Amino acid sequence: QEHLSAGYGEWGNLIQDDITDGVNWLIEQKKVDPNNVCIMGSSFGGYAEAMGAVKTHNLYRCVISINGVYDLPKHLRDLNKLLFSDINKMINNQYGDAKNFSPYHSFSCFI
C-alpha cells in the first residue's frame, strides 16, 4: 500500500521519471541501442508513452499507444460519473492542474 500511495499524484511526473531513468539505465548498460528505443503501452501505459513523447521526445524513436489516456481533465470528469474515486488520488497532481500533465494539451511542443 505504501508503494502504491507513493505514486498518487505523480502521473506525468515521478512515475514518468522512473520510466525515463529505466530507459537511460538500459542505454548506459548497453542493453539497448539508444537510436532504436520505442515505448509502447495501453491505458495508463498509453498515457505514459504519450508523456514520454512530450517530456523526452529525443529518447524515443517511436511511440505506440493502445487506448491511451491523453486528456486528464476530461478523463477525470468522465471518471467522476463512475465509481472510481480512488483513481482521482492517482491522477491528480500536486505540481499543477491535470491539464499541465496531459499529452493532449502538450503536443503543441511538436508544432
PDB file of N, CA and C in Angstrom:
ATOM      1  N   GLN A   1       0.819  -1.185   0.000  1.00  0.00           N
ATOM      2  CA  GLN A   1       0.000   0.000   0.000  1.00  0.00           C
ATOM      3  C   GLN A   1       0.872   1.262   0.000  1.00  0.00           C
ATOM      4  N   GLU A   2       1.965   1.217   0.748  1.00  0.00           N
ATOM      5  CA  GLU A   2       2.856   2.381   0.814  1.00  0.00           C
ATOM      6  C   GLU A   2       3.452   2.691  -0.567  1.00  0.00           C
ATOM      7  N   HIS A   3       3.886   1.639  -1.263  1.00  0.00           N
ATOM      8  CA  HIS A   3       4.447   1.826  -2.605  1.00  0.00           C
ATOM      9  C   HIS A   3       3.391   2.372  -3.561  1.00  0.00           C
ATOM     10  N   LEU A   4       2.173   1.841  -3.491  1.00  0.00           N
ATOM     11  CA  LEU A   4       1.084   2.299  -4.337  1.00  0.00           C
ATOM     12  C   LEU A   4       0.766   3.765  -4.064  1.00  0.00           C
ATOM     13  N   SER A   5       0.614   4.124  -2.817  1.00  0.00           N
ATOM     14  CA  SER A   5       0.234   5.500  -2.488  1.00  0.00           C
ATOM     15  C   SER A   5       1.359   6.495  -2.777  1.00  0.00           C
ATOM     16  N   ALA A   6       2.598   6.035  -2.843  1.00  0.00           N
ATOM     17  CA  ALA A   6       3.703   6.938  -3.192  1.00  0.00           C
ATOM     18  C   ALA A   6       3.556   7.470  -4.609  1.00  0.00           C
ATOM     19  N   GLY A   7       2.824   6.746  -5.444  1.00  0.00           N
ATOM     20  CA  GLY A   7       2.605   7.184  -6.821  1.00  0.00           C
ATOM     21  C   GLY A   7       1.409   8.088  -6.994  1.00  0.00           C
ATOM     22  N   TYR A   8       0.616   8.281  -5.940  1.00  0.00           N
ATOM     23  CA  TYR A   8      -0.556   9.147  -6.049  1.00  0.00           C
ATOM     24  C   TYR A   8      -0.129  10.562  -6.408  1.00  0.00           C
ATOM     25  N   GLY A   9      -0.779  11.114  -7.398  1.00  0.00           N
ATOM     26  CA  GLY A   9      -0.481  12.482  -7.827  1.00  0.00           C
ATOM     27  C   GLY A   9       0.785  12.608  -8.646  1.00  0.00           C
ATOM     28  N   GLU A  10       1.356  11.498  -9.080  1.00  0.00           N
ATOM     29  CA  GLU A  10       2.634  11.553  -9.781  1.00  0.00           C
ATOM     30  C   GLU A  10       2.540  11.163 -11.252  1.00  0.00           C
ATOM     31  N   TRP A  11       1.306  11.065 -11.789  1.00  0.00           N
ATOM     32  CA  TRP A  11       1.177  10.813 -13.227  1.00  0.00           C
ATOM     33  C   TRP A  11       1.892  11.937 -13.968  1.00  0.00           C
ATOM     34  N   GLY A  12       2.741  11.585 -14.903  1.00  0.00           N
ATOM     35  CA  GLY A  12       3.435  12.584 -15.711  1.00  0.00           C
ATOM     36  C   GLY A  12       4.613  13.220 -15.013  1.00  0.00           C
ATOM     37  N   ASN A  13       4.878  12.849 -13.792  1.00  0.00           N
ATOM     38  CA  ASN A  13       5.996  13.442 -13.061  1.00  0.00           C
ATOM     39  C   ASN A  13       6.950  12.337 -12.587  1.00  0.00           C
ATOM     40  N   LEU A  14       6.912  11.968 -11.311  1.00  0.00           N
ATOM     41  CA  LEU A  14       7.877  10.982 -10.813  1.00  0.00           C
ATOM     42  C   LEU A  14       7.716   9.612 -11.456  1.00  0.00           C
ATOM     43  N   ILE A  15       6.477   9.208 -11.738  1.00  0.00           N
ATOM     44  CA  ILE A  15       6.294   7.921 -12.419  1.00  0.00           C
ATOM     45  C   ILE A  15       6.949   7.979 -13.794  1.00  0.00           C
ATOM     46  N   GLN A  16       6.756   9.090 -14.489  1.00  0.00           N
ATOM     47  CA  GLN A  16       7.363   9.259 -15.813  1.00  0.00           C
ATOM     48  C   GLN A  16       8.879   9.279 -15.710  1.00  0.00           C
ATOM     49  N   ASP A  17       9.385   9.946 -14.679  1.00  0.00           N
ATOM     50  CA  ASP A  17      10.834   9.992 -14.468  1.00  0.00           C
ATOM     51  C   ASP A  17      11.397   8.598 -14.216  1.00  0.00           C
ATOM     52  N   ASP A  18      10.644   7.750 -13.514  1.00  0.00           N
ATOM     53  CA  ASP A  18      11.095   6.368 -13.286  1.00  0.00           C
ATOM     54  C   ASP A  18      11.240   5.619 -14.612  1.00  0.00           C
ATOM     55  N   ILE A  19      10.290   5.816 -15.509  1.00  0.00           N
ATOM     56  CA  ILE A  19      10.354   5.159 -16.817  1.00  0.00           C
ATOM     57  C   ILE A  19      11.573   5.661 -17.586  1.00  0.00           C
ATOM     58  N   THR A  20      11.760   6.963 -17.600  1.00  0.00           N
ATOM     59  CA  THR A  20      12.912   7.567 -18.290  1.00  0.00           C
ATOM     60  C   THR A  20      14.217   7.072 -17.685  1.00  0.00           C
ATOM     61  N   ASP A  21      14.293   7.029 -16.355  1.00  0.00           N
ATOM     62  CA  ASP A  21      15.501   6.540 -15.684  1.00  0.00           C
ATOM     63  C   ASP A  21      15.788   5.088 -16.065  1.00  0.00           C
ATOM     64  N   GLY A  22      14.737   4.282 -16.163  1.00  0.00           N
ATOM     65  CA  GLY A  22      14.922   2.882 -16.556  1.00  0.00           C
ATOM     66  C   GLY A  22      15.471   2.753 -17.966  1.00  0.00           C
ATOM     67  N   VAL A  23      14.939   3.542 -18.883  1.00  0.00           N
ATOM     68  CA  VAL A  23      15.433   3.509 -20.265  1.00  0.00           C
ATOM     69  C   VAL A  23      16.884   3.987 -20.313  1.00  0.00           C
ATOM     70  N   ASN A  24      17.185   5.068 -19.606  1.00  0.00           N
ATOM     71  CA  ASN A  24      18.568   5.570 -19.593  1.00  0.00           C
ATOM     72  C   ASN A  24      19.530   4.559 -18.977  1.00  0.00           C
ATOM     73  N   TRP A  25      19.085   3.837 -17.951  1.00  0.00           N
ATOM     74  CA  TRP A  25      19.926   2.799 -17.356  1.00  0.00           C
ATOM     75  C   TRP A  25      20.210   1.699 -18.369  1.00  0.00           C
ATOM     76  N   LEU A  26      19.181   1.273 -19.105  1.00  0.00           N
ATOM     77  CA  LEU A  26      19.378   0.245 -20.131  1.00  0.00           C
ATOM     78  C   LEU A  26      20.369   0.715 -21.201  1.00  0.00           C
ATOM     79  N   ILE A  27      20.287   1.981 -21.556  1.00  0.00           N
ATOM     80  CA  ILE A  27      21.223   2.539 -22.542  1.00  0.00           C
ATOM     81  C   ILE A  27      22.644   2.537 -21.971  1.00  0.00           C
ATOM     82  N   GLU A  28      22.795   2.997 -20.729  1.00  0.00           N
ATOM     83  CA  GLU A  28      24.119   3.031 -20.088  1.00  0.00           C
ATOM     84  C   GLU A  28      24.723   1.635 -19.967  1.00  0.00           C
ATOM     85  N   GLN A  29      23.883   0.637 -19.719  1.00  0.00           N
ATOM     86  CA  GLN A  29      24.355  -0.743 -19.592  1.00  0.00           C
ATOM     87  C   GLN A  29      24.572  -1.412 -20.951  1.00  0.00           C
ATOM     88  N   LYS A  30      24.323  -0.648 -22.017  1.00  0.00           N
ATOM     89  CA  LYS A  30      24.465  -1.139 -23.378  1.00  0.00           C
ATOM     90  C   LYS A  30      23.546  -2.336 -23.658  1.00  0.00           C
ATOM     91  N   LYS A  31      22.372  -2.319 -23.026  1.00  0.00           N
ATOM     92  CA  LYS A  31      21.366  -3.363 -23.236  1.00  0.00           C
ATOM     93  C   LYS A  31      20.453  -3.022 -24.408  1.00  0.00           C
ATOM     94  N   VAL A  32      20.390  -1.741 -24.761  1.00  0.00           N
ATOM     95  CA  VAL A  32      19.575  -1.306 -25.894  1.00  0.00           C
ATOM     96  C   VAL A  32      20.355  -0.290 -26.719  1.00  0.00           C
ATOM     97  N   ASP A  33      20.027  -0.205 -27.981  1.00  0.00           N
ATOM     98  CA  ASP A  33      20.612   0.776 -28.885  1.00  0.00           C
ATOM     99  C   ASP A  33      19.877   2.103 -28.670  1.00  0.00           C
ATOM    100  N   PRO A  34      20.569   3.150 -28.233  1.00  0.00           N
ATOM    101  CA  PRO A  34      19.903   4.419 -27.942  1.00  0.00           C
ATOM    102  C   PRO A  34      19.218   5.049 -29.156  1.00  0.00           C
ATOM    103  N   ASN A  35      19.578   4.597 -30.349  1.00  0.00           N
ATOM    104  CA  ASN A  35      18.960   5.133 -31.565  1.00  0.00           C
ATOM    105  C   ASN A  35      17.724   4.350 -31.994  1.00  0.00           C
ATOM    106  N   ASN A  36      17.385   3.301 -31.247  1.00  0.00           N
ATOM    107  CA  ASN A  36      16.256   2.449 -31.626  1.00  0.00           C
ATOM    108  C   ASN A  36      15.364   2.098 -30.440  1.00  0.00           C
ATOM    109  N   VAL A  37      15.081   3.067 -29.590  1.00  0.00           N
ATOM    110  CA  VAL A  37      14.231   2.829 -28.430  1.00  0.00           C
ATOM    111  C   VAL A  37      12.805   3.237 -28.778  1.00  0.00           C
ATOM    112  N   CYS A  38      11.879   2.325 -28.523  1.00  0.00           N
ATOM    113  CA  CYS A  38      10.458   2.587 -28.739  1.00  0.00           C
ATOM    114  C   CYS A  38       9.738   2.364 -27.412  1.00  0.00           C
ATOM    115  N   ILE A  39       8.706   3.136 -27.162  1.00  0.00           N
ATOM    116  CA  ILE A  39       7.904   2.968 -25.960  1.00  0.00           C
ATOM    117  C   ILE A  39       6.482   2.625 -26.397  1.00  0.00           C
ATOM    118  N   MET A  40       5.867   1.666 -25.686  1.00  0.00           N
ATOM    119  CA  MET A  40       4.530   1.220 -26.041  1.00  0.00           C
ATOM    120  C   MET A  40       3.752   0.923 -24.762  1.00  0.00           C
ATOM    121  N   GLY A  41       2.448   1.195 -24.789  1.00  0.00           N
ATOM    122  CA  GLY A  41       1.615   0.856 -23.648  1.00  0.00           C
ATOM    123  C   GLY A  41       0.151   1.042 -23.964  1.00  0.00           C
ATOM    124  N   SER A  42      -0.685   0.568 -23.035  1.00  0.00           N
ATOM    125  CA  SER A  42      -2.124   0.771 -23.192  1.00  0.00           C
ATOM    126  C   SER A  42      -2.687   1.309 -21.885  1.00  0.00           C
ATOM    127  N   SER A  43      -3.785   2.032 -21.992  1.00  0.00           N
ATOM    128  CA  SER A  43      -4.444   2.670 -20.859  1.00  0.00           C
ATOM    129  C   SER A  43      -3.439   3.593 -20.166  1.00  0.00           C
ATOM    130  N   PHE A  44      -3.084   3.334 -18.908  1.00  0.00           N
ATOM    131  CA  PHE A  44      -2.068   4.180 -18.275  1.00  0.00           C
ATOM    132  C   PHE A  44      -0.751   4.100 -19.037  1.00  0.00           C
ATOM    133  N   GLY A  45      -0.405   2.913 -19.526  1.00  0.00           N
ATOM    134  CA  GLY A  45       0.821   2.758 -20.313  1.00  0.00           C
ATOM    135  C   GLY A  45       0.787   3.605 -21.571  1.00  0.00           C
ATOM    136  N   GLY A  46      -0.394   3.736 -22.185  1.00  0.00           N
ATOM    137  CA  GLY A  46      -0.553   4.617 -23.338  1.00  0.00           C
ATOM    138  C   GLY A  46      -0.369   6.075 -22.957  1.00  0.00           C
ATOM    139  N   TYR A  47      -0.848   6.424 -21.772  1.00  0.00           N
ATOM    140  CA  TYR A  47      -0.608   7.770 -21.239  1.00  0.00           C
ATOM    141  C   TYR A  47       0.892   7.984 -21.041  1.00  0.00           C
ATOM    142  N   ALA A  48       1.557   7.009 -20.416  1.00  0.00           N
ATOM    143  CA  ALA A  48       2.986   7.133 -20.127  1.00  0.00           C
ATOM    144  C   ALA A  48       3.806   7.267 -21.403  1.00  0.00           C
ATOM    145  N   GLU A  49       3.431   6.517 -22.445  1.00  0.00           N
ATOM    146  CA  GLU A  49       4.189   6.654 -23.688  1.00  0.00           C
ATOM    147  C   GLU A  49       3.965   8.021 -24.303  1.00  0.00           C
ATOM    148  N   ALA A  50       2.745   8.540 -24.232  1.00  0.00           N
ATOM    149  CA  ALA A  50       2.479   9.868 -24.792  1.00  0.00           C
ATOM    150  C   ALA A  50       3.234  10.939 -24.022  1.00  0.00           C
ATOM    151  N   MET A  51       3.282  10.823 -22.695  1.00  0.00           N
ATOM    152  CA  MET A  51       4.059  11.783 -21.902  1.00  0.00           C
ATOM    153  C   MET A  51       5.552  11.625 -22.172  1.00  0.00           C
ATOM    154  N   GLY A  52       5.981  10.388 -22.469  1.00  0.00           N
ATOM    155  CA  GLY A  52       7.373  10.192 -22.869  1.00  0.00           C
ATOM    156  C   GLY A  52       7.678  10.953 -24.144  1.00  0.00           C
ATOM    157  N   ALA A  53       6.722  10.940 -25.072  1.00  0.00           N
ATOM    158  CA  ALA A  53       6.892  11.693 -26.322  1.00  0.00           C
ATOM    159  C   ALA A  53       6.932  13.189 -26.051  1.00  0.00           C
ATOM    160  N   VAL A  54       6.174  13.635 -25.057  1.00  0.00           N
ATOM    161  CA  VAL A  54       6.137  15.066 -24.723  1.00  0.00           C
ATOM    162  C   VAL A  54       7.392  15.482 -23.953  1.00  0.00           C
ATOM    163  N   LYS A  55       7.712  14.741 -22.882  1.00  0.00           N
ATOM    164  CA  LYS A  55       8.786  15.158 -21.976  1.00  0.00           C
ATOM    165  C   LYS A  55      10.182  14.797 -22.467  1.00  0.00           C
ATOM    166  N   THR A  56      10.319  13.650 -23.124  1.00  0.00           N
ATOM    167  CA  THR A  56      11.650  13.167 -23.517  1.00  0.00           C
ATOM    168  C   THR A  56      11.617  12.666 -24.950  1.00  0.00           C
ATOM    169  N   HIS A  57      11.095  13.492 -25.851  1.00  0.00           N
ATOM    170  CA  HIS A  57      10.903  13.055 -27.238  1.00  0.00           C
ATOM    171  C   HIS A  57      12.197  12.643 -27.925  1.00  0.00           C
ATOM    172  N   ASN A  58      13.329  13.149 -27.501  1.00  0.00           N
ATOM    173  CA  ASN A  58      14.598  12.759 -28.118  1.00  0.00           C
ATOM    174  C   ASN A  58      15.051  11.361 -27.695  1.00  0.00           C
ATOM    175  N   LEU A  59      14.422  10.812 -26.665  1.00  0.00           N
ATOM    176  CA  LEU A  59      14.812   9.498 -26.168  1.00  0.00           C
ATOM    177  C   LEU A  59      14.217   8.364 -27.001  1.00  0.00           C
ATOM    178  N   TYR A  60      13.080   8.627 -27.652  1.00  0.00           N
ATOM    179  CA  TYR A  60      12.346   7.564 -28.329  1.00  0.00           C
ATOM    180  C   TYR A  60      12.321   7.751 -29.838  1.00  0.00           C
ATOM    181  N   ARG A  61      12.517   6.655 -30.526  1.00  0.00           N
ATOM    182  CA  ARG A  61      12.403   6.676 -31.989  1.00  0.00           C
ATOM    183  C   ARG A  61      10.941   6.544 -32.411  1.00  0.00           C
ATOM    184  N   CYS A  62      10.155   5.835 -31.602  1.00  0.00           N
ATOM    185  CA  CYS A  62       8.730   5.706 -31.890  1.00  0.00           C
ATOM    186  C   CYS A  62       7.964   5.563 -30.590  1.00  0.00           C
ATOM    187  N   VAL A  63       6.687   5.894 -30.650  1.00  0.00           N
ATOM    188  CA  VAL A  63       5.779   5.701 -29.527  1.00  0.00           C
ATOM    189  C   VAL A  63       4.513   5.036 -30.062  1.00  0.00           C
ATOM    190  N   ILE A  64       4.005   4.075 -29.304  1.00  0.00           N
ATOM    191  CA  ILE A  64       2.804   3.346 -29.703  1.00  0.00           C
ATOM    192  C   ILE A  64       1.844   3.361 -28.523  1.00  0.00           C
ATOM    193  N   SER A  65       0.647   3.855 -28.769  1.00  0.00           N
ATOM    194  CA  SER A  65      -0.359   3.902 -27.712  1.00  0.00           C
ATOM    195  C   SER A  65      -1.565   3.065 -28.106  1.00  0.00           C
ATOM    196  N   ILE A  66      -2.015   2.275 -27.162  1.00  0.00           N
ATOM    197  CA  ILE A  66      -3.229   1.494 -27.340  1.00  0.00           C
ATOM    198  C   ILE A  66      -4.201   1.967 -26.258  1.00  0.00           C
ATOM    199  N   ASN A  67      -5.265   2.648 -26.673  1.00  0.00           N
ATOM    200  CA  ASN A  67      -6.256   3.167 -25.725  1.00  0.00           C
ATOM    201  C   ASN A  67      -5.634   4.048 -24.645  1.00  0.00           C
ATOM    202  N   GLY A  68      -4.717   4.909 -25.034  1.00  0.00           N
ATOM    203  CA  GLY A  68      -4.060   5.779 -24.071  1.00  0.00           C
ATOM    204  C   GLY A  68      -4.974   6.870 -23.535  1.00  0.00           C
ATOM    205  N   VAL A  69      -4.649   7.348 -22.360  1.00  0.00           N
ATOM    206  CA  VAL A  69      -5.340   8.475 -21.736  1.00  0.00           C
ATOM    207  C   VAL A  69      -4.535   9.719 -22.090  1.00  0.00           C
ATOM    208  N   TYR A  70      -5.154  10.667 -22.801  1.00  0.00           N
ATOM    209  CA  TYR A  70      -4.417  11.848 -23.246  1.00  0.00           C
ATOM    210  C   TYR A  70      -4.887  13.144 -22.595  1.00  0.00           C
ATOM    211  N   ASP A  71      -6.165  13.242 -22.295  1.00  0.00           N
ATOM    212  CA  ASP A  71      -6.734  14.482 -21.757  1.00  0.00           C
ATOM    213  C   ASP A  71      -7.173  14.217 -20.322  1.00  0.00           C
ATOM    214  N   LEU A  72      -6.304  14.514 -19.353  1.00  0.00           N
ATOM    215  CA  LEU A  72      -6.601  14.186 -17.962  1.00  0.00           C
ATOM    216  C   LEU A  72      -7.816  14.921 -17.408  1.00  0.00           C
ATOM    217  N   PRO A  73      -8.019  16.212 -17.679  1.00  0.00           N
ATOM    218  CA  PRO A  73      -9.242  16.839 -17.161  1.00  0.00           C
ATOM    219  C   PRO A  73     -10.507  16.136 -17.649  1.00  0.00           C
ATOM    220  N   LYS A  74     -10.555  15.771 -18.925  1.00  0.00           N
ATOM    221  CA  LYS A  74     -11.721  15.062 -19.452  1.00  0.00           C
ATOM    222  C   LYS A  74     -11.839  13.682 -18.816  1.00  0.00           C
ATOM    223  N   HIS A  75     -10.710  13.002 -18.674  1.00  0.00           N
ATOM    224  CA  HIS A  75     -10.705  11.672 -18.069  1.00  0.00           C
ATOM    225  C   HIS A  75     -11.241  11.732 -16.634  1.00  0.00           C
ATOM    226  N   LEU A  76     -10.805  12.730 -15.879  1.00  0.00           N
ATOM    227  CA  LEU A  76     -11.272  12.884 -14.500  1.00  0.00           C
ATOM    228  C   LEU A  76     -12.770  13.189 -14.454  1.00  0.00           C
ATOM    229  N   ARG A  77     -13.225  14.049 -15.361  1.00  0.00           N
ATOM    230  CA  ARG A  77     -14.673  14.347 -15.414  1.00  0.00           C
ATOM    231  C   ARG A  77     -15.468  13.080 -15.720  1.00  0.00           C
ATOM    232  N   ASP A  78     -14.987  12.289 -16.669  1.00  0.00           N
ATOM    233  CA  ASP A  78     -15.675  11.049 -17.018  1.00  0.00           C
ATOM    234  C   ASP A  78     -15.677  10.067 -15.849  1.00  0.00           C
ATOM    235  N   LEU A  79     -14.542   9.961 -15.147  1.00  0.00           N
ATOM    236  CA  LEU A  79     -14.452   9.020 -14.028  1.00  0.00           C
ATOM    237  C   LEU A  79     -15.316   9.452 -12.859  1.00  0.00           C
ATOM    238  N   ASN A  80     -15.498  10.744 -12.676  1.00  0.00           N
ATOM    239  CA  ASN A  80     -16.336  11.221 -11.574  1.00  0.00           C
ATOM    240  C   ASN A  80     -17.772  10.757 -11.718  1.00  0.00           C
ATOM    241  N   LYS A  81     -18.171  10.436 -12.942  1.00  0.00           N
ATOM    242  CA  LYS A  81     -19.521   9.929 -13.183  1.00  0.00           C
ATOM    243  C   LYS A  81     -19.630   8.453 -12.787  1.00  0.00           C
ATOM    244  N   LEU A  82     -18.495   7.822 -12.587  1.00  0.00           N
ATOM    245  CA  LEU A  82     -18.467   6.397 -12.261  1.00  0.00           C
ATOM    246  C   LEU A  82     -18.105   6.212 -10.791  1.00  0.00           C
ATOM    247  N   LEU A  83     -17.769   5.024 -10.412  1.00  0.00           N
ATOM    248  CA  LEU A  83     -17.464   4.725  -9.014  1.00  0.00           C
ATOM    249  C   LEU A  83     -15.967   4.606  -8.745  1.00  0.00           C
ATOM    250  N   PHE A  84     -15.140   5.267  -9.550  1.00  0.00           N
ATOM    251  CA  PHE A  84     -13.697   5.111  -9.425  1.00  0.00           C
ATOM    252  C   PHE A  84     -13.063   6.292  -8.689  1.00  0.00           C
ATOM    253  N   SER A  85     -13.473   6.570  -7.491  1.00  0.00           N
ATOM    254  CA  SER A  85     -12.941   7.730  -6.780  1.00  0.00           C
ATOM    255  C   SER A  85     -11.455   7.575  -6.466  1.00  0.00           C
ATOM    256  N   ASP A  86     -10.966   6.351  -6.277  1.00  0.00           N
ATOM    257  CA  ASP A  86      -9.547   6.155  -5.969  1.00  0.00           C
ATOM    258  C   ASP A  86      -8.644   6.597  -7.112  1.00  0.00           C
ATOM    259  N   ILE A  87      -9.130   6.509  -8.343  1.00  0.00           N
ATOM    260  CA  ILE A  87      -8.291   6.904  -9.477  1.00  0.00           C
ATOM    261  C   ILE A  87      -7.966   8.392  -9.406  1.00  0.00           C
ATOM    262  N   ASN A  88      -8.857   9.182  -8.814  1.00  0.00           N
ATOM    263  CA  ASN A  88      -8.574  10.614  -8.679  1.00  0.00           C
ATOM    264  C   ASN A  88      -7.335  10.862  -7.843  1.00  0.00           C
ATOM    265  N   LYS A  89      -7.121  10.049  -6.804  1.00  0.00           N
ATOM    266  CA  LYS A  89      -5.918  10.190  -5.979  1.00  0.00           C
ATOM    267  C   LYS A  89      -4.673   9.907  -6.809  1.00  0.00           C
ATOM    268  N   MET A  90      -4.785   8.966  -7.720  1.00  0.00           N
ATOM    269  CA  MET A  90      -3.633   8.585  -8.532  1.00  0.00           C
ATOM    270  C   MET A  90      -3.295   9.647  -9.566  1.00  0.00           C
ATOM    271  N   ILE A  91      -4.326  10.223 -10.178  1.00  0.00           N
ATOM    272  CA  ILE A  91      -4.102  11.140 -11.291  1.00  0.00           C
ATOM    273  C   ILE A  91      -3.819  12.560 -10.829  1.00  0.00           C
ATOM    274  N   ASN A  92      -4.610  13.082  -9.903  1.00  0.00           N
ATOM    275  CA  ASN A  92      -4.464  14.482  -9.509  1.00  0.00           C
ATOM    276  C   ASN A  92      -3.043  14.771  -9.086  1.00  0.00           C
ATOM    277  N   ASN A  93      -2.473  15.779  -9.660  1.00  0.00           N
ATOM    278  CA  ASN A  93      -1.057  16.049  -9.495  1.00  0.00           C
ATOM    279  C   ASN A  93      -0.834  17.282  -8.649  1.00  0.00           C
ATOM    280  N   GLN A  94      -0.002  17.143  -7.648  1.00  0.00           N
ATOM    281  CA  GLN A  94       0.271  18.239  -6.733  1.00  0.00           C
ATOM    282  C   GLN A  94       1.114  19.351  -7.364  1.00  0.00           C
ATOM    283  N   TYR A  95       1.671  19.109  -8.540  1.00  0.00           N
ATOM    284  CA  TYR A  95       2.553  20.096  -9.166  1.00  0.00           C
ATOM    285  C   TYR A  95       1.810  21.066 -10.071  1.00  0.00           C
ATOM    286  N   GLY A  96       0.551  20.868 -10.291  1.00  0.00           N
ATOM    287  CA  GLY A  96      -0.230  21.731 -11.164  1.00  0.00           C
ATOM    288  C   GLY A  96      -1.520  21.039 -11.523  1.00  0.00           C
ATOM    289  N   ASP A  97      -2.333  21.693 -12.279  1.00  0.00           N
ATOM    290  CA  ASP A  97      -3.596  21.046 -12.618  1.00  0.00           C
ATOM    291  C   ASP A  97      -3.374  19.938 -13.639  1.00  0.00           C
ATOM    292  N   ALA A  98      -4.390  19.126 -13.793  1.00  0.00           N
ATOM    293  CA  ALA A  98      -4.282  17.949 -14.661  1.00  0.00           C
ATOM    294  C   ALA A  98      -3.963  18.339 -16.098  1.00  0.00           C
ATOM    295  N   LYS A  99      -4.389  19.518 -16.510  1.00  0.00           N
ATOM    296  CA  LYS A  99      -4.131  19.961 -17.884  1.00  0.00           C
ATOM    297  C   LYS A  99      -2.627  20.034 -18.170  1.00  0.00           C
ATOM    298  N   ASN A 100      -1.848  20.451 -17.178  1.00  0.00           N
ATOM    299  CA  ASN A 100      -0.395  20.574 -17.368  1.00  0.00           C
ATOM    300  C   ASN A 100       0.300  19.221 -17.546  1.00  0.00           C
ATOM    301  N   PHE A 101      -0.384  18.151 -17.186  1.00  0.00           N
ATOM    302  CA  PHE A 101       0.198  16.816 -17.307  1.00  0.00           C
ATOM    303  C   PHE A 101      -0.594  15.966 -18.283  1.00  0.00           C
ATOM    304  N   SER A 102      -1.191  16.625 -19.268  1.00  0.00           N
ATOM    305  CA  SER A 102      -1.993  15.951 -20.279  1.00  0.00           C
ATOM    306  C   SER A 102      -1.294  16.012 -21.626  1.00  0.00           C
ATOM    307  N   PRO A 103      -0.980  14.877 -22.216  1.00  0.00           N
ATOM    308  CA  PRO A 103      -0.368  14.897 -23.546  1.00  0.00           C
ATOM    309  C   PRO A 103      -1.192  15.693 -24.554  1.00  0.00           C
ATOM    310  N   TYR A 104      -2.503  15.583 -24.477  1.00  0.00           N
ATOM    311  CA  TYR A 104      -3.382  16.297 -25.401  1.00  0.00           C
ATOM    312  C   TYR A 104      -3.120  17.802 -25.379  1.00  0.00           C
ATOM    313  N   HIS A 105      -2.858  18.340 -24.213  1.00  0.00           N
ATOM    314  CA  HIS A 105      -2.643  19.779 -24.067  1.00  0.00           C
ATOM    315  C   HIS A 105      -1.173  20.154 -24.204  1.00  0.00           C
ATOM    316  N   SER A 106      -0.310  19.180 -24.453  1.00  0.00           N
ATOM    317  CA  SER A 106       1.133  19.435 -24.538  1.00  0.00           C
ATOM    318  C   SER A 106       1.730  19.203 -25.904  1.00  0.00           C
ATOM    319  N   PHE A 107       0.970  18.624 -26.827  1.00  0.00           N
ATOM    320  CA  PHE A 107       1.535  18.274 -28.116  1.00  0.00           C
ATOM    321  C   PHE A 107       1.900  19.484 -28.951  1.00  0.00           C
ATOM    322  N   SER A 108       1.555  20.696 -28.507  1.00  0.00           N
ATOM    323  CA  SER A 108       1.946  21.897 -29.241  1.00  0.00           C
ATOM    324  C   SER A 108       3.461  22.025 -29.306  1.00  0.00           C
ATOM    325  N   CYS A 109       4.167  21.291 -28.428  1.00  0.00           N
ATOM    326  CA  CYS A 109       5.632  21.360 -28.462  1.00  0.00           C
ATOM    327  C   CYS A 109       6.194  20.766 -29.739  1.00  0.00           C
ATOM    328  N   PHE A 110       5.365  20.023 -30.501  1.00  0.00           N
ATOM    329  CA  PHE A 110       5.833  19.407 -31.742  1.00  0.00           C
ATOM    330  C   PHE A 110       5.464  20.241 -32.975  1.00  0.00           C
ATOM    331  N   ILE A 111       4.666  21.289 -32.779  1.00  0.00           N
ATOM    332  CA  ILE A 111       4.193  22.083 -33.928  1.00  0.00           C
ATOM    333  C   ILE A 111       5.165  23.202 -34.229  1.00  0.00           C
TER     334      ILE A 111
END
